[in-house]
Amino acid sequence: MRRSKAVVACLAAALLAAAGAPALAADPAAAKSRAGQCFVCHGADGLAKVPDAPNLAGQNAAYLVKALKDYRSGKRENEVMSMMAKNLSDDDIAMVASYFSSIAVTVKAP
């Protein structure tokens, strides 16, 4: 029982730490400005403009932070994304993640 509580506490701390980074982007206009270089492929609305780019609208901020940091470090490889993420600071990454995750996505049944 103690061990499972410790595991839950560690997981909760990790989730809070990952979710805390995008909170830096309290200013939506600044976040949109930082994400501007992403718009060519991923669109200002978060909907991909090129076939090989994923839609980012409504994507989980913690996922985006991890993906961008992995591209920046070389842990995750993609010719374009590795180049784009190379010069992003942690604050830049948090703001980009905050911007795209804040875009509301609606789904309609067929």
PDB file of N, CA and C in Angstrom:
ATOM      1  N   MET A   1       0.814  -1.189   0.000  1.00  0.00           N
ATOM      2  CA  MET A   1       0.000   0.000   0.000  1.00  0.00           C
ATOM      3  C   MET A   1       0.860   1.257   0.000  1.00  0.00           C
ATOM      4  N   ARG A   2       1.908   1.273   0.820  1.00  0.00           N
ATOM      5  CA  ARG A   2       2.808   2.421   0.876  1.00  0.00           C
ATOM      6  C   ARG A   2       3.491   2.660  -0.452  1.00  0.00           C
ATOM      7  N   ARG A   3       3.875   1.562  -1.080  1.00  0.00           N
ATOM      8  CA  ARG A   3       4.593   1.674  -2.345  1.00  0.00           C
ATOM      9  C   ARG A   3       3.690   2.284  -3.421  1.00  0.00           C
ATOM     10  N   SER A   4       2.436   1.865  -3.479  1.00  0.00           N
ATOM     11  CA  SER A   4       1.530   2.405  -4.483  1.00  0.00           C
ATOM     12  C   SER A   4       1.258   3.885  -4.235  1.00  0.00           C
ATOM     13  N   LYS A   5       1.204   4.307  -2.966  1.00  0.00           N
ATOM     14  CA  LYS A   5       1.038   5.725  -2.663  1.00  0.00           C
ATOM     15  C   LYS A   5       2.257   6.519  -3.127  1.00  0.00           C
ATOM     16  N   ALA A   6       3.432   5.954  -2.959  1.00  0.00           N
ATOM     17  CA  ALA A   6       4.650   6.630  -3.397  1.00  0.00           C
ATOM     18  C   ALA A   6       4.684   6.751  -4.919  1.00  0.00           C
ATOM     19  N   VAL A   7       4.259   5.709  -5.607  1.00  0.00           N
ATOM     20  CA  VAL A   7       4.212   5.736  -7.068  1.00  0.00           C
ATOM     21  C   VAL A   7       3.228   6.793  -7.543  1.00  0.00           C
ATOM     22  N   VAL A   8       2.065   6.830  -6.927  1.00  0.00           N
ATOM     23  CA  VAL A   8       1.052   7.817  -7.292  1.00  0.00           C
ATOM     24  C   VAL A   8       1.586   9.225  -7.028  1.00  0.00           C
ATOM     25  N   ALA A   9       2.258   9.426  -5.909  1.00  0.00           N
ATOM     26  CA  ALA A   9       2.806  10.740  -5.579  1.00  0.00           C
ATOM     27  C   ALA A   9       3.864  11.155  -6.594  1.00  0.00           C
ATOM     28  N   CYS A  10       4.715  10.229  -7.007  1.00  0.00           N
ATOM     29  CA  CYS A  10       5.743  10.534  -8.014  1.00  0.00           C
ATOM     30  C   CYS A  10       5.112  10.876  -9.355  1.00  0.00           C
ATOM     31  N   LEU A  11       4.108  10.102  -9.743  1.00  0.00           N
ATOM     32  CA  LEU A  11       3.426  10.382 -11.013  1.00  0.00           C
ATOM     33  C   LEU A  11       2.731  11.734 -10.973  1.00  0.00           C
ATOM     34  N   ALA A  12       2.094  12.040  -9.869  1.00  0.00           N
ATOM     35  CA  ALA A  12       1.411  13.334  -9.732  1.00  0.00           C
ATOM     36  C   ALA A  12       2.414  14.473  -9.809  1.00  0.00           C
ATOM     37  N   ALA A  13       3.566  14.327  -9.166  1.00  0.00           N
ATOM     38  CA  ALA A  13       4.590  15.368  -9.206  1.00  0.00           C
ATOM     39  C   ALA A  13       5.120  15.553 -10.625  1.00  0.00           C
ATOM     40  N   ALA A  14       5.322  14.446 -11.331  1.00  0.00           N
ATOM     41  CA  ALA A  14       5.817  14.537 -12.712  1.00  0.00           C
ATOM     42  C   ALA A  14       4.800  15.221 -13.612  1.00  0.00           C
ATOM     43  N   LEU A  15       3.527  14.892 -13.446  1.00  0.00           N
ATOM     44  CA  LEU A  15       2.480  15.526 -14.250  1.00  0.00           C
ATOM     45  C   LEU A  15       2.372  17.012 -13.954  1.00  0.00           C
ATOM     46  N   LEU A  16       2.472  17.371 -12.692  1.00  0.00           N
ATOM     47  CA  LEU A  16       2.411  18.792 -12.339  1.00  0.00           C
ATOM     48  C   LEU A  16       3.607  19.551 -12.896  1.00  0.00           C
ATOM     49  N   ALA A  17       4.769  18.945 -12.864  1.00  0.00           N
ATOM     50  CA  ALA A  17       5.954  19.605 -13.405  1.00  0.00           C
ATOM     51  C   ALA A  17       5.833  19.790 -14.912  1.00  0.00           C
ATOM     52  N   ALA A  18       5.348  18.760 -15.597  1.00  0.00           N
ATOM     53  CA  ALA A  18       5.189  18.854 -17.051  1.00  0.00           C
ATOM     54  C   ALA A  18       4.114  19.856 -17.419  1.00  0.00           C
ATOM     55  N   ALA A  19       3.047  19.887 -16.654  1.00  0.00           N
ATOM     56  CA  ALA A  19       1.954  20.816 -16.954  1.00  0.00           C
ATOM     57  C   ALA A  19       2.310  22.237 -16.561  1.00  0.00           C
ATOM     58  N   GLY A  20       3.229  22.416 -15.646  1.00  0.00           N
ATOM     59  CA  GLY A  20       3.592  23.750 -15.187  1.00  0.00           C
ATOM     60  C   GLY A  20       4.346  24.570 -16.205  1.00  0.00           C
ATOM     61  N   ALA A  21       5.116  23.949 -17.061  1.00  0.00           N
ATOM     62  CA  ALA A  21       5.919  24.698 -18.028  1.00  0.00           C
ATOM     63  C   ALA A  21       5.068  25.538 -18.967  1.00  0.00           C
ATOM     64  N   PRO A  22       3.995  24.997 -19.560  1.00  0.00           N
ATOM     65  CA  PRO A  22       3.198  25.834 -20.445  1.00  0.00           C
ATOM     66  C   PRO A  22       2.495  26.982 -19.743  1.00  0.00           C
ATOM     67  N   ALA A  23       2.417  26.961 -18.426  1.00  0.00           N
ATOM     68  CA  ALA A  23       1.778  28.051 -17.711  1.00  0.00           C
ATOM     69  C   ALA A  23       2.554  29.357 -17.852  1.00  0.00           C
ATOM     70  N   LEU A  24       3.793  29.307 -18.319  1.00  0.00           N
ATOM     71  CA  LEU A  24       4.577  30.510 -18.534  1.00  0.00           C
ATOM     72  C   LEU A  24       3.927  31.424 -19.562  1.00  0.00           C
ATOM     73  N   ALA A  25       3.145  30.856 -20.442  1.00  0.00           N
ATOM     74  CA  ALA A  25       2.549  31.624 -21.524  1.00  0.00           C
ATOM     75  C   ALA A  25       1.217  32.222 -21.097  1.00  0.00           C
ATOM     76  N   ALA A  26       1.269  33.099 -20.115  1.00  0.00           N
ATOM     77  CA  ALA A  26       0.044  33.716 -19.624  1.00  0.00           C
ATOM     78  C   ALA A  26      -0.508  34.728 -20.618  1.00  0.00           C
ATOM     79  N   ASP A  27       0.321  35.253 -21.494  1.00  0.00           N
ATOM     80  CA  ASP A  27      -0.090  36.246 -22.477  1.00  0.00           C
ATOM     81  C   ASP A  27      -0.350  35.565 -23.819  1.00  0.00           C
ATOM     82  N   PRO A  28      -1.628  35.392 -24.198  1.00  0.00           N
ATOM     83  CA  PRO A  28      -1.957  34.695 -25.451  1.00  0.00           C
ATOM     84  C   PRO A  28      -1.331  35.341 -26.687  1.00  0.00           C
ATOM     85  N   ALA A  29      -1.235  36.667 -26.715  1.00  0.00           N
ATOM     86  CA  ALA A  29      -0.637  37.350 -27.876  1.00  0.00           C
ATOM     87  C   ALA A  29       0.853  37.018 -27.990  1.00  0.00           C
ATOM     88  N   ALA A  30       1.541  36.974 -26.858  1.00  0.00           N
ATOM     89  CA  ALA A  30       2.964  36.623 -26.869  1.00  0.00           C
ATOM     90  C   ALA A  30       3.150  35.174 -27.287  1.00  0.00           C
ATOM     91  N   ALA A  31       2.267  34.293 -26.813  1.00  0.00           N
ATOM     92  CA  ALA A  31       2.355  32.884 -27.183  1.00  0.00           C
ATOM     93  C   ALA A  31       2.137  32.716 -28.679  1.00  0.00           C
ATOM     94  N   LYS A  32       1.160  33.433 -29.226  1.00  0.00           N
ATOM     95  CA  LYS A  32       0.897  33.353 -30.666  1.00  0.00           C
ATOM     96  C   LYS A  32       2.092  33.868 -31.461  1.00  0.00           C
ATOM     97  N   SER A  33       2.700  34.930 -30.977  1.00  0.00           N
ATOM     98  CA  SER A  33       3.878  35.482 -31.644  1.00  0.00           C
ATOM     99  C   SER A  33       5.039  34.485 -31.655  1.00  0.00           C
ATOM    100  N   ARG A  34       5.267  33.822 -30.520  1.00  0.00           N
ATOM    101  CA  ARG A  34       6.338  32.825 -30.442  1.00  0.00           C
ATOM    102  C   ARG A  34       6.082  31.649 -31.366  1.00  0.00           C
ATOM    103  N   ALA A  35       4.811  31.293 -31.547  1.00  0.00           N
ATOM    104  CA  ALA A  35       4.449  30.138 -32.375  1.00  0.00           C
ATOM    105  C   ALA A  35       4.428  30.491 -33.862  1.00  0.00           C
ATOM    106  N   GLY A  36       4.653  31.746 -34.195  1.00  0.00           N
ATOM    107  CA  GLY A  36       4.549  32.205 -35.577  1.00  0.00           C
ATOM    108  C   GLY A  36       5.342  31.413 -36.594  1.00  0.00           C
ATOM    109  N   GLN A  37       6.534  30.968 -36.233  1.00  0.00           N
ATOM    110  CA  GLN A  37       7.353  30.214 -37.184  1.00  0.00           C
ATOM    111  C   GLN A  37       6.757  28.836 -37.488  1.00  0.00           C
ATOM    112  N   CYS A  38       5.830  28.398 -36.654  1.00  0.00           N
ATOM    113  CA  CYS A  38       5.196  27.087 -36.831  1.00  0.00           C
ATOM    114  C   CYS A  38       4.033  27.138 -37.831  1.00  0.00           C
ATOM    115  N   PHE A  39       3.526  28.358 -38.075  1.00  0.00           N
ATOM    116  CA  PHE A  39       2.295  28.518 -38.845  1.00  0.00           C
ATOM    117  C   PHE A  39       2.412  28.074 -40.297  1.00  0.00           C
ATOM    118  N   VAL A  40       3.586  28.146 -40.883  1.00  0.00           N
ATOM    119  CA  VAL A  40       3.749  27.751 -42.285  1.00  0.00           C
ATOM    120  C   VAL A  40       3.311  26.306 -42.489  1.00  0.00           C
ATOM    121  N   CYS A  41       3.700  25.441 -41.593  1.00  0.00           N
ATOM    122  CA  CYS A  41       3.349  24.022 -41.719  1.00  0.00           C
ATOM    123  C   CYS A  41       2.114  23.633 -40.915  1.00  0.00           C
ATOM    124  N   HIS A  42       2.010  24.153 -39.675  1.00  0.00           N
ATOM    125  CA  HIS A  42       0.960  23.711 -38.763  1.00  0.00           C
ATOM    126  C   HIS A  42      -0.241  24.655 -38.722  1.00  0.00           C
ATOM    127  N   GLY A  43      -0.155  25.812 -39.372  1.00  0.00           N
ATOM    128  CA  GLY A  43      -1.266  26.756 -39.443  1.00  0.00           C
ATOM    129  C   GLY A  43      -1.483  27.543 -38.168  1.00  0.00           C
ATOM    130  N   ALA A  44      -1.895  28.792 -38.305  1.00  0.00           N
ATOM    131  CA  ALA A  44      -2.199  29.626 -37.150  1.00  0.00           C
ATOM    132  C   ALA A  44      -3.390  29.060 -36.381  1.00  0.00           C
ATOM    133  N   ASP A  45      -4.231  28.313 -37.083  1.00  0.00           N
ATOM    134  CA  ASP A  45      -5.390  27.687 -36.447  1.00  0.00           C
ATOM    135  C   ASP A  45      -5.068  26.284 -35.928  1.00  0.00           C
ATOM    136  N   GLY A  46      -3.800  25.863 -36.066  1.00  0.00           N
ATOM    137  CA  GLY A  46      -3.390  24.545 -35.591  1.00  0.00           C
ATOM    138  C   GLY A  46      -3.721  23.413 -36.533  1.00  0.00           C
ATOM    139  N   LEU A  47      -4.267  23.746 -37.701  1.00  0.00           N
ATOM    140  CA  LEU A  47      -4.599  22.730 -38.695  1.00  0.00           C
ATOM    141  C   LEU A  47      -3.522  22.733 -39.771  1.00  0.00           C
ATOM    142  N   ALA A  48      -2.916  21.572 -39.988  1.00  0.00           N
ATOM    143  CA  ALA A  48      -1.765  21.433 -40.876  1.00  0.00           C
ATOM    144  C   ALA A  48      -2.032  21.993 -42.268  1.00  0.00           C
ATOM    145  N   LYS A  49      -1.025  22.669 -42.812  1.00  0.00           N
ATOM    146  CA  LYS A  49      -1.115  23.258 -44.143  1.00  0.00           C
ATOM    147  C   LYS A  49      -0.323  22.457 -45.174  1.00  0.00           C
ATOM    148  N   VAL A  50       0.473  21.510 -44.700  1.00  0.00           N
ATOM    149  CA  VAL A  50       1.238  20.630 -45.581  1.00  0.00           C
ATOM    150  C   VAL A  50       0.935  19.181 -45.197  1.00  0.00           C
ATOM    151  N   PRO A  51       0.987  18.280 -46.169  1.00  0.00           N
ATOM    152  CA  PRO A  51       0.561  16.888 -45.920  1.00  0.00           C
ATOM    153  C   PRO A  51       1.310  16.146 -44.818  1.00  0.00           C
ATOM    154  N   ASP A  52       2.591  16.422 -44.628  1.00  0.00           N
ATOM    155  CA  ASP A  52       3.376  15.665 -43.656  1.00  0.00           C
ATOM    156  C   ASP A  52       3.343  16.240 -42.244  1.00  0.00           C
ATOM    157  N   ALA A  53       2.694  17.381 -42.052  1.00  0.00           N
ATOM    158  CA  ALA A  53       2.651  18.017 -40.730  1.00  0.00           C
ATOM    159  C   ALA A  53       1.379  17.611 -39.991  1.00  0.00           C
ATOM    160  N   PRO A  54       1.509  17.331 -38.706  1.00  0.00           N
ATOM    161  CA  PRO A  54       0.302  16.982 -37.935  1.00  0.00           C
ATOM    162  C   PRO A  54      -0.477  18.228 -37.526  1.00  0.00           C
ATOM    163  N   ASN A  55      -1.760  18.050 -37.276  1.00  0.00           N
ATOM    164  CA  ASN A  55      -2.572  19.115 -36.684  1.00  0.00           C
ATOM    165  C   ASN A  55      -2.137  19.262 -35.223  1.00  0.00           C
ATOM    166  N   LEU A  56      -1.987  20.498 -34.761  1.00  0.00           N
ATOM    167  CA  LEU A  56      -1.581  20.735 -33.383  1.00  0.00           C
ATOM    168  C   LEU A  56      -2.685  21.363 -32.536  1.00  0.00           C
ATOM    169  N   ALA A  57      -3.769  21.787 -33.156  1.00  0.00           N
ATOM    170  CA  ALA A  57      -4.871  22.417 -32.425  1.00  0.00           C
ATOM    171  C   ALA A  57      -5.389  21.483 -31.340  1.00  0.00           C
ATOM    172  N   GLY A  58      -5.443  22.004 -30.111  1.00  0.00           N
ATOM    173  CA  GLY A  58      -5.991  21.235 -29.003  1.00  0.00           C
ATOM    174  C   GLY A  58      -5.099  20.118 -28.485  1.00  0.00           C
ATOM    175  N   GLN A  59      -3.893  20.007 -29.013  1.00  0.00           N
ATOM    176  CA  GLN A  59      -2.980  18.947 -28.570  1.00  0.00           C
ATOM    177  C   GLN A  59      -2.583  19.198 -27.115  1.00  0.00           C
ATOM    178  N   ASN A  60      -2.349  18.154 -26.379  1.00  0.00           N
ATOM    179  CA  ASN A  60      -1.936  18.231 -24.990  1.00  0.00           C
ATOM    180  C   ASN A  60      -0.623  19.012 -24.869  1.00  0.00           C
ATOM    181  N   ALA A  61      -0.602  20.037 -24.009  1.00  0.00           N
ATOM    182  CA  ALA A  61       0.576  20.893 -23.871  1.00  0.00           C
ATOM    183  C   ALA A  61       1.809  20.115 -23.400  1.00  0.00           C
ATOM    184  N   ALA A  62       1.630  19.206 -22.455  1.00  0.00           N
ATOM    185  CA  ALA A  62       2.772  18.428 -21.946  1.00  0.00           C
ATOM    186  C   ALA A  62       3.375  17.573 -23.058  1.00  0.00           C
ATOM    187  N   TYR A  63       2.524  17.022 -23.930  1.00  0.00           N
ATOM    188  CA  TYR A  63       3.009  16.241 -25.065  1.00  0.00           C
ATOM    189  C   TYR A  63       3.829  17.131 -26.005  1.00  0.00           C
ATOM    190  N   LEU A  64       3.320  18.325 -26.300  1.00  0.00           N
ATOM    191  CA  LEU A  64       4.040  19.230 -27.198  1.00  0.00           C
ATOM    192  C   LEU A  64       5.380  19.655 -26.609  1.00  0.00           C
ATOM    193  N   VAL A  65       5.401  19.935 -25.317  1.00  0.00           N
ATOM    194  CA  VAL A  65       6.653  20.309 -24.653  1.00  0.00           C
ATOM    195  C   VAL A  65       7.665  19.176 -24.786  1.00  0.00           C
ATOM    196  N   LYS A  66       7.240  17.960 -24.488  1.00  0.00           N
ATOM    197  CA  LYS A  66       8.164  16.814 -24.572  1.00  0.00           C
ATOM    198  C   LYS A  66       8.645  16.606 -26.008  1.00  0.00           C
ATOM    199  N   ALA A  67       7.726  16.670 -26.969  1.00  0.00           N
ATOM    200  CA  ALA A  67       8.103  16.452 -28.360  1.00  0.00           C
ATOM    201  C   ALA A  67       9.119  17.502 -28.816  1.00  0.00           C
ATOM    202  N   LEU A  68       8.873  18.775 -28.517  1.00  0.00           N
ATOM    203  CA  LEU A  68       9.793  19.824 -28.940  1.00  0.00           C
ATOM    204  C   LEU A  68      11.155  19.700 -28.258  1.00  0.00           C
ATOM    205  N   LYS A  69      11.154  19.364 -26.979  1.00  0.00           N
ATOM    206  CA  LYS A  69      12.433  19.172 -26.284  1.00  0.00           C
ATOM    207  C   LYS A  69      13.185  17.972 -26.853  1.00  0.00           C
ATOM    208  N   ASP A  70      12.454  16.924 -27.218  1.00  0.00           N
ATOM    209  CA  ASP A  70      13.094  15.751 -27.814  1.00  0.00           C
ATOM    210  C   ASP A  70      13.654  16.069 -29.203  1.00  0.00           C
ATOM    211  N   TYR A  71      12.956  16.869 -29.988  1.00  0.00           N
ATOM    212  CA  TYR A  71      13.496  17.297 -31.288  1.00  0.00           C
ATOM    213  C   TYR A  71      14.747  18.145 -31.067  1.00  0.00           C
ATOM    214  N   ARG A  72      14.690  19.051 -30.110  1.00  0.00           N
ATOM    215  CA  ARG A  72      15.814  19.949 -29.833  1.00  0.00           C
ATOM    216  C   ARG A  72      17.050  19.171 -29.402  1.00  0.00           C
ATOM    217  N   SER A  73      16.868  18.143 -28.582  1.00  0.00           N
ATOM    218  CA  SER A  73      18.009  17.379 -28.060  1.00  0.00           C
ATOM    219  C   SER A  73      18.519  16.318 -29.034  1.00  0.00           C
ATOM    220  N   GLY A  74      17.709  15.998 -30.051  1.00  0.00           N
ATOM    221  CA  GLY A  74      18.088  14.939 -30.979  1.00  0.00           C
ATOM    222  C   GLY A  74      17.545  13.579 -30.579  1.00  0.00           C
ATOM    223  N   LYS A  75      16.858  13.506 -29.448  1.00  0.00           N
ATOM    224  CA  LYS A  75      16.266  12.239 -28.991  1.00  0.00           C
ATOM    225  C   LYS A  75      15.180  11.783 -29.964  1.00  0.00           C
ATOM    226  N   ARG A  76      14.501  12.742 -30.571  1.00  0.00           N
ATOM    227  CA  ARG A  76      13.486  12.468 -31.585  1.00  0.00           C
ATOM    228  C   ARG A  76      13.968  13.152 -32.861  1.00  0.00           C
ATOM    229  N   GLU A  77      13.907  12.452 -33.977  1.00  0.00           N
ATOM    230  CA  GLU A  77      14.481  12.991 -35.209  1.00  0.00           C
ATOM    231  C   GLU A  77      13.452  13.223 -36.303  1.00  0.00           C
ATOM    232  N   ASN A  78      13.533  14.388 -36.893  1.00  0.00           N
ATOM    233  CA  ASN A  78      12.795  14.760 -38.079  1.00  0.00           C
ATOM    234  C   ASN A  78      13.583  15.912 -38.670  1.00  0.00           C
ATOM    235  N   GLU A  79      13.926  15.834 -39.939  1.00  0.00           N
ATOM    236  CA  GLU A  79      14.809  16.832 -40.545  1.00  0.00           C
ATOM    237  C   GLU A  79      14.315  18.259 -40.318  1.00  0.00           C
ATOM    238  N   VAL A  80      13.054  18.512 -40.550  1.00  0.00           N
ATOM    239  CA  VAL A  80      12.517  19.864 -40.412  1.00  0.00           C
ATOM    240  C   VAL A  80      12.356  20.246 -38.944  1.00  0.00           C
ATOM    241  N   MET A  81      11.723  19.380 -38.161  1.00  0.00           N
ATOM    242  CA  MET A  81      11.448  19.717 -36.767  1.00  0.00           C
ATOM    243  C   MET A  81      12.720  19.830 -35.934  1.00  0.00           C
ATOM    244  N   SER A  82      13.709  19.018 -36.217  1.00  0.00           N
ATOM    245  CA  SER A  82      14.968  19.113 -35.479  1.00  0.00           C
ATOM    246  C   SER A  82      15.620  20.471 -35.718  1.00  0.00           C
ATOM    247  N   MET A  83      15.554  20.948 -36.954  1.00  0.00           N
ATOM    248  CA  MET A  83      16.121  22.249 -37.296  1.00  0.00           C
ATOM    249  C   MET A  83      15.307  23.379 -36.642  1.00  0.00           C
ATOM    250  N   MET A  84      13.976  23.253 -36.673  1.00  0.00           N
ATOM    251  CA  MET A  84      13.119  24.303 -36.117  1.00  0.00           C
ATOM    252  C   MET A  84      13.253  24.398 -34.592  1.00  0.00           C
ATOM    253  N   ALA A  85      13.388  23.275 -33.922  1.00  0.00           N
ATOM    254  CA  ALA A  85      13.427  23.254 -32.457  1.00  0.00           C
ATOM    255  C   ALA A  85      14.808  23.553 -31.894  1.00  0.00           C
ATOM    256  N   LYS A  86      15.830  23.457 -32.723  1.00  0.00           N
ATOM    257  CA  LYS A  86      17.209  23.577 -32.254  1.00  0.00           C
ATOM    258  C   LYS A  86      17.470  24.848 -31.442  1.00  0.00           C
ATOM    259  N   ASN A  87      16.917  25.965 -31.851  1.00  0.00           N
ATOM    260  CA  ASN A  87      17.200  27.232 -31.177  1.00  0.00           C
ATOM    261  C   ASN A  87      16.089  27.705 -30.236  1.00  0.00           C
ATOM    262  N   LEU A  88      15.128  26.841 -29.949  1.00  0.00           N
ATOM    263  CA  LEU A  88      14.059  27.224 -29.028  1.00  0.00           C
ATOM    264  C   LEU A  88      14.516  27.081 -27.582  1.00  0.00           C
ATOM    265  N   SER A  89      14.236  28.097 -26.776  1.00  0.00           N
ATOM    266  CA  SER A  89      14.507  28.009 -25.339  1.00  0.00           C
ATOM    267  C   SER A  89      13.359  27.244 -24.674  1.00  0.00           C
ATOM    268  N   ASP A  90      13.531  26.905 -23.412  1.00  0.00           N
ATOM    269  CA  ASP A  90      12.450  26.247 -22.677  1.00  0.00           C
ATOM    270  C   ASP A  90      11.213  27.150 -22.627  1.00  0.00           C
ATOM    271  N   ASP A  91      11.423  28.459 -22.468  1.00  0.00           N
ATOM    272  CA  ASP A  91      10.295  29.399 -22.458  1.00  0.00           C
ATOM    273  C   ASP A  91       9.596  29.435 -23.812  1.00  0.00           C
ATOM    274  N   ASP A  92      10.379  29.424 -24.905  1.00  0.00           N
ATOM    275  CA  ASP A  92       9.781  29.391 -26.244  1.00  0.00           C
ATOM    276  C   ASP A  92       8.903  28.153 -26.407  1.00  0.00           C
ATOM    277  N   ILE A  93       9.444  27.019 -25.994  1.00  0.00           N
ATOM    278  CA  ILE A  93       8.717  25.752 -26.112  1.00  0.00           C
ATOM    279  C   ILE A  93       7.428  25.801 -25.293  1.00  0.00           C
ATOM    280  N   ALA A  94       7.498  26.332 -24.090  1.00  0.00           N
ATOM    281  CA  ALA A  94       6.310  26.433 -23.239  1.00  0.00           C
ATOM    282  C   ALA A  94       5.254  27.319 -23.893  1.00  0.00           C
ATOM    283  N   MET A  95       5.689  28.400 -24.500  1.00  0.00           N
ATOM    284  CA  MET A  95       4.733  29.315 -25.127  1.00  0.00           C
ATOM    285  C   MET A  95       4.103  28.696 -26.375  1.00  0.00           C
ATOM    286  N   VAL A  96       4.893  28.014 -27.182  1.00  0.00           N
ATOM    287  CA  VAL A  96       4.356  27.347 -28.377  1.00  0.00           C
ATOM    288  C   VAL A  96       3.343  26.276 -27.958  1.00  0.00           C
ATOM    289  N   ALA A  97       3.712  25.490 -26.959  1.00  0.00           N
ATOM    290  CA  ALA A  97       2.806  24.438 -26.476  1.00  0.00           C
ATOM    291  C   ALA A  97       1.527  25.043 -25.921  1.00  0.00           C
ATOM    292  N   SER A  98       1.657  26.124 -25.187  1.00  0.00           N
ATOM    293  CA  SER A  98       0.491  26.791 -24.617  1.00  0.00           C
ATOM    294  C   SER A  98      -0.427  27.307 -25.721  1.00  0.00           C
ATOM    295  N   TYR A  99       0.154  27.899 -26.741  1.00  0.00           N
ATOM    296  CA  TYR A  99      -0.653  28.443 -27.836  1.00  0.00           C
ATOM    297  C   TYR A  99      -1.474  27.349 -28.522  1.00  0.00           C
ATOM    298  N   PHE A 100      -0.793  26.308 -28.992  1.00  0.00           N
ATOM    299  CA  PHE A 100      -1.511  25.269 -29.751  1.00  0.00           C
ATOM    300  C   PHE A 100      -2.483  24.487 -28.876  1.00  0.00           C
ATOM    301  N   SER A 101      -2.138  24.257 -27.617  1.00  0.00           N
ATOM    302  CA  SER A 101      -3.053  23.508 -26.758  1.00  0.00           C
ATOM    303  C   SER A 101      -4.292  24.329 -26.390  1.00  0.00           C
ATOM    304  N   SER A 102      -4.200  25.651 -26.496  1.00  0.00           N
ATOM    305  CA  SER A 102      -5.340  26.500 -26.134  1.00  0.00           C
ATOM    306  C   SER A 102      -6.374  26.625 -27.259  1.00  0.00           C
ATOM    307  N   ILE A 103      -6.060  26.125 -28.439  1.00  0.00           N
ATOM    308  CA  ILE A 103      -7.003  26.204 -29.559  1.00  0.00           C
ATOM    309  C   ILE A 103      -8.096  25.154 -29.357  1.00  0.00           C
ATOM    310  N   ALA A 104      -9.330  25.613 -29.303  1.00  0.00           N
ATOM    311  CA  ALA A 104     -10.461  24.710 -29.094  1.00  0.00           C
ATOM    312  C   ALA A 104     -10.739  23.882 -30.353  1.00  0.00           C
ATOM    313  N   VAL A 105     -10.996  22.633 -30.134  1.00  0.00           N
ATOM    314  CA  VAL A 105     -11.317  21.713 -31.235  1.00  0.00           C
ATOM    315  C   VAL A 105     -12.733  21.196 -31.020  1.00  0.00           C
ATOM    316  N   THR A 106     -13.517  21.246 -32.058  1.00  0.00           N
ATOM    317  CA  THR A 106     -14.863  20.679 -31.983  1.00  0.00           C
ATOM    318  C   THR A 106     -14.966  19.506 -32.940  1.00  0.00           C
ATOM    319  N   VAL A 107     -15.759  18.547 -32.555  1.00  0.00           N
ATOM    320  CA  VAL A 107     -15.928  17.342 -33.356  1.00  0.00           C
ATOM    321  C   VAL A 107     -17.405  17.181 -33.668  1.00  0.00           C
ATOM    322  N   LYS A 108     -17.713  16.912 -34.917  1.00  0.00           N
ATOM    323  CA  LYS A 108     -19.086  16.664 -35.324  1.00  0.00           C
ATOM    324  C   LYS A 108     -19.233  15.220 -35.771  1.00  0.00           C
ATOM    325  N   ALA A 109     -20.263  14.596 -35.320  1.00  0.00           N
ATOM    326  CA  ALA A 109     -20.538  13.228 -35.749  1.00  0.00           C
ATOM    327  C   ALA A 109     -20.953  13.241 -37.222  1.00  0.00           C
ATOM    328  N   PRO A 110     -20.590  12.205 -37.960  1.00  0.00           N
ATOM    329  CA  PRO A 110     -20.955  12.184 -39.395  1.00  0.00           C
ATOM    330  C   PRO A 110     -22.449  12.105 -39.613  1.00  0.00           C
TER     331      PRO A 110
END
